Protein backbone atom coordinates (compact mmCIF):
# COMPACT_ATOMS: atom_id res chain seq x y z
CA MET A 1 12.27 66.11 69.36
CA ILE A 2 12.70 64.41 65.85
CA GLU A 3 9.60 63.16 65.90
CA GLU A 4 8.02 66.33 66.95
CA LYS A 5 10.01 68.52 64.75
CA GLU A 6 8.55 65.72 61.68
CA ARG A 7 5.54 66.30 62.86
CA ILE A 8 5.91 70.48 62.97
CA ALA A 9 7.44 70.00 59.48
CA ALA A 10 4.23 69.21 58.26
CA ALA A 11 1.99 71.40 59.87
CA LEU A 12 4.28 74.14 57.63
CA PRO A 13 5.59 72.80 54.07
CA GLY A 14 6.33 76.34 53.85
CA TYR A 15 8.88 76.75 56.04
CA GLU A 16 12.35 75.67 56.88
CA LEU A 17 12.61 74.24 60.35
CA GLY A 18 16.37 75.19 62.71
CA VAL A 19 17.33 75.84 65.94
CA ARG A 20 15.74 75.42 68.92
CA LEU A 21 15.90 79.21 71.04
CA GLY A 22 13.75 77.77 74.43
CA ARG A 23 11.00 75.43 75.92
CA GLY A 24 8.76 77.29 78.51
CA ALA A 25 5.83 76.11 80.60
CA PHE A 26 3.40 76.49 77.60
CA GLY A 27 5.55 75.14 74.78
CA LEU A 28 8.33 75.29 72.99
CA VAL A 29 10.07 78.23 70.78
CA LEU A 30 11.82 77.02 67.11
CA THR A 31 13.21 79.09 64.47
CA GLY A 32 12.47 78.52 61.36
CA ARG A 33 12.63 80.55 57.11
CA HIS A 34 10.17 81.39 54.81
CA ARG A 35 11.55 79.76 52.08
CA GLU A 36 9.25 81.48 49.43
CA LEU A 37 10.26 84.89 50.97
CA ASP A 38 14.03 84.19 52.41
CA ARG A 39 12.64 85.55 55.63
CA ASP A 40 13.85 84.57 59.72
CA VAL A 41 10.58 83.59 62.16
CA ALA A 42 10.02 82.08 65.02
CA ILE A 43 7.26 79.34 65.35
CA LYS A 44 6.11 78.76 68.76
CA ILE A 45 4.78 75.32 69.31
CA LEU A 46 1.91 74.24 71.95
CA PRO A 47 0.82 71.41 72.33
CA VAL A 48 -2.81 70.29 72.63
CA GLU A 49 -3.11 68.05 75.43
CA GLN A 50 -5.59 70.07 77.77
CA ASP A 51 -9.15 71.77 77.08
CA GLU A 52 -7.83 74.73 78.41
CA THR A 53 -4.52 74.84 75.68
CA PRO A 54 -5.98 75.47 72.44
CA GLU A 55 -8.27 77.98 73.68
CA ARG A 56 -5.20 79.69 75.24
CA SER A 57 -2.76 79.17 72.20
CA ARG A 58 -5.79 80.57 69.93
CA ALA A 59 -6.30 83.87 72.48
CA GLU A 60 -2.66 84.61 72.09
CA ALA A 61 -2.25 83.92 68.16
CA ARG A 62 -5.20 86.45 68.38
CA LEU A 63 -4.28 89.00 70.61
CA LEU A 64 -0.84 89.27 68.96
CA ASN A 65 -2.81 90.02 65.50
CA LEU A 66 -5.05 92.64 67.30
CA LEU A 67 -2.13 94.19 68.43
CA ASP A 68 -0.34 96.14 65.98
CA HIS A 69 2.69 97.98 67.60
CA PRO A 70 6.26 98.42 66.80
CA HIS A 71 7.25 97.96 70.28
CA ILE A 72 4.97 94.40 69.84
CA VAL A 73 6.46 91.21 68.22
CA ARG A 74 4.14 91.12 65.01
CA VAL A 75 2.76 87.37 63.95
CA HIS A 76 2.82 86.31 60.44
CA ASP A 77 0.31 82.89 60.75
CA ALA A 78 -1.54 80.27 62.96
CA ILE A 79 -1.81 76.80 61.93
CA ALA A 80 -3.72 74.42 64.18
CA THR A 81 -3.43 70.60 63.43
CA ASP A 82 -5.24 67.82 65.84
CA ASP A 83 -2.47 67.79 68.96
CA LEU A 84 -0.31 70.94 67.79
CA TYR A 85 -0.84 74.84 67.76
CA LEU A 86 1.85 76.78 65.85
CA ILE A 87 2.32 80.40 66.09
CA VAL A 88 4.88 82.08 63.64
CA MET A 89 6.48 85.07 64.75
CA GLU A 90 9.01 88.05 63.72
CA LEU A 91 12.15 86.35 64.65
CA LEU A 92 13.64 88.55 68.11
CA ALA A 93 17.70 87.93 66.98
CA GLY A 94 18.80 90.58 69.77
CA GLY A 95 18.16 88.62 72.69
CA THR A 96 15.71 88.32 76.07
CA LEU A 97 16.33 92.02 78.55
CA THR A 98 17.77 89.35 80.51
CA ARG A 99 20.94 89.38 79.16
CA ARG A 100 20.95 93.09 78.00
CA ARG A 101 20.70 94.67 81.43
CA ALA A 102 23.49 93.89 82.66
CA GLY A 103 25.34 97.27 83.59
CA MET A 104 22.57 99.29 82.06
CA THR A 105 22.43 102.85 82.17
CA ALA A 106 20.32 105.01 83.47
CA GLU A 107 18.71 106.71 80.36
CA THR A 108 18.96 103.01 78.64
CA ALA A 109 16.81 101.53 81.68
CA CYS A 110 14.68 104.61 81.11
CA ALA A 111 14.21 103.98 77.20
CA VAL A 112 13.18 100.37 77.77
CA GLY A 113 10.78 101.87 80.38
CA LEU A 114 8.93 104.16 77.73
CA GLY A 115 8.89 101.25 75.15
CA VAL A 116 7.13 98.76 77.46
CA ALA A 117 4.35 101.68 78.31
CA ALA A 118 3.88 102.47 74.82
CA ALA A 119 3.39 98.63 74.53
CA LEU A 120 1.08 98.19 77.01
CA SER A 121 -0.55 101.48 76.35
CA CYS A 122 -1.76 99.82 72.87
CA ALA A 123 -2.57 96.60 74.90
CA HIS A 124 -4.02 98.64 77.59
CA ALA A 125 -6.36 100.57 74.82
CA ARG A 126 -7.46 97.26 72.89
CA GLY A 127 -8.67 96.32 76.32
CA VAL A 128 -5.69 93.57 77.11
CA LEU A 129 -4.07 92.78 80.26
CA HIS A 130 -0.58 91.18 79.35
CA ARG A 131 -0.43 89.76 83.10
CA ASP A 132 3.48 88.78 82.99
CA ILE A 133 5.98 91.71 82.47
CA LYS A 134 9.02 90.28 83.30
CA PRO A 135 13.08 90.65 81.37
CA ALA A 136 12.40 87.27 79.70
CA ASN A 137 9.49 88.60 78.00
CA ILE A 138 10.89 91.74 76.81
CA LEU A 139 13.67 90.95 73.72
CA PHE A 140 15.14 93.07 71.12
CA ASP A 141 15.43 92.52 67.57
CA THR A 142 18.54 93.09 65.43
CA ALA A 143 18.27 96.65 65.41
CA GLY A 144 18.03 97.07 68.93
CA LEU A 145 14.52 97.44 68.80
CA LEU A 146 11.91 96.47 72.04
CA LYS A 147 9.70 94.27 71.49
CA VAL A 148 6.91 92.92 74.18
CA THR A 149 6.31 89.06 74.07
CA ASP A 150 4.76 85.87 75.10
CA PHE A 151 0.84 87.20 75.55
CA GLY A 152 0.57 83.42 76.24
CA ILE A 153 -1.69 84.66 79.30
CA ALA A 154 -2.99 87.67 78.61
CA LYS A 155 -7.06 88.60 79.62
CA ILE A 156 -8.78 90.69 77.63
CA VAL A 157 -10.85 93.05 80.60
CA GLU A 158 -14.52 93.71 79.95
CA GLY A 159 -15.48 96.67 81.74
CA THR A 160 -14.62 96.23 85.27
CA ALA A 161 -15.19 92.53 85.35
CA ALA A 162 -12.26 91.29 85.13
CA THR A 163 -11.05 89.39 87.88
CA ALA A 164 -7.48 87.16 89.14
CA SER A 165 -9.59 84.19 89.03
CA THR A 166 -6.26 82.25 89.13
CA VAL A 167 -2.95 83.06 89.56
CA ILE A 168 -0.58 82.81 86.48
CA GLY A 169 1.99 84.44 86.21
CA THR A 170 5.78 85.43 87.44
CA PRO A 171 5.25 86.55 91.86
CA ARG A 172 7.80 88.33 91.74
CA TYR A 173 6.30 90.78 89.56
CA MET A 174 2.96 90.72 90.15
CA ALA A 175 0.94 93.60 91.71
CA PRO A 176 -1.15 92.73 95.19
CA GLU A 177 -4.51 92.36 93.74
CA ARG A 178 -3.50 89.48 91.01
CA PHE A 179 -2.51 87.85 95.11
CA LEU A 180 -5.53 88.76 96.70
CA GLY A 181 -8.04 88.16 93.60
CA GLY A 182 -9.26 92.20 93.00
CA ARG A 183 -9.94 93.41 89.99
CA LEU A 184 -7.20 93.93 87.70
CA GLY A 185 -6.57 96.74 85.00
CA PRO A 186 -4.01 98.83 83.38
CA ALA A 187 -2.13 98.84 86.72
CA THR A 188 -1.86 95.97 87.28
CA ASP A 189 0.79 95.86 84.25
CA LEU A 190 2.05 98.85 85.43
CA TYR A 191 3.05 97.85 88.54
CA ALA A 192 4.80 94.95 87.48
CA LEU A 193 6.77 97.50 84.97
CA GLY A 194 7.75 99.46 87.85
CA VAL A 195 8.94 95.90 89.18
CA LEU A 196 11.17 95.74 86.33
CA LEU A 197 12.51 99.66 85.95
CA TYR A 198 13.08 99.23 90.05
CA GLU A 199 15.70 96.60 89.20
CA LEU A 200 17.07 98.08 85.82
CA LEU A 201 17.40 101.39 87.77
CA THR A 202 18.94 99.68 91.21
CA GLY A 203 20.67 96.25 90.03
CA ALA A 204 17.82 94.69 92.52
CA PRO A 205 14.38 93.98 92.65
CA PRO A 206 12.62 95.73 95.84
CA PHE A 207 11.84 92.53 97.59
CA ASP A 208 14.31 89.75 98.52
CA PRO A 209 14.66 87.47 95.96
CA ALA A 210 15.33 84.78 98.96
CA LEU A 211 12.34 85.18 100.61
CA SER A 212 9.93 81.84 100.97
CA ALA A 213 6.98 82.44 98.49
CA PRO A 214 4.46 83.83 101.60
CA ALA A 215 6.63 86.61 102.71
CA LEU A 216 7.31 87.69 99.38
CA ILE A 217 3.48 88.10 99.12
CA HIS A 218 3.32 89.60 102.44
CA HIS A 219 6.28 92.28 100.82
CA HIS A 220 3.44 92.85 98.15
CA LEU A 221 0.98 93.65 99.73
CA SER A 222 2.22 95.21 103.31
CA VAL A 223 5.68 96.64 102.80
CA LEU A 224 6.87 99.57 100.96
CA PRO A 225 10.17 99.54 99.51
CA PRO A 226 13.49 101.18 100.41
CA PRO A 227 14.13 103.97 97.92
CA PRO A 228 16.20 103.29 94.85
CA ALA A 229 19.78 104.58 95.49
CA GLY A 230 21.50 106.59 93.61
CA VAL A 231 19.05 107.30 91.12
CA PRO A 232 18.81 110.28 89.47
CA GLY A 233 14.77 112.13 90.07
């Protein structure tokens, strides 16, 4: 980790590196501060190890730069080195929806839904599908403003040709066409948002998370979830 931070610091001489925020399937995220502007940032570090990784990294940075919306995380910079790709973004210190959803009121859940829907509307209008809407990818700034993050597996939709060529994402929130290799569209993200809202309003997902992967896929494809009891119309 020390050697890795030294390489990151060398690639970002204008920034002071901070603590680790987390590590996901596609990379590490650190806090940072722009020395001259005194601006706190988050730095996403993606190793260049596989042929697909550099293009995925560049695509994420370019997509986020394209999507200028109050409910979408903002990108400040992107730097490529021989073995790293760094995306410098605004720091969202308010935590994730995963941490905030306990005891959430129906009104707040609806506000979350509206914020995510507005972000998706912006993305869809520009031909971009997120493909991984879930609580961990919805963060808040210090003022409590919701931001959709992690466009790392986003897909550019060209007409009606976009299909689910590979199953990447979180099965709990995946639309049926994701499993079947069908055509993707805005409804693919809206399905995930529907599952998310169901969880926020009822305190439980529409299908038992203890189900095996094949059983969960079967439920998404063939089982109608019970109506959310106790949720006002």
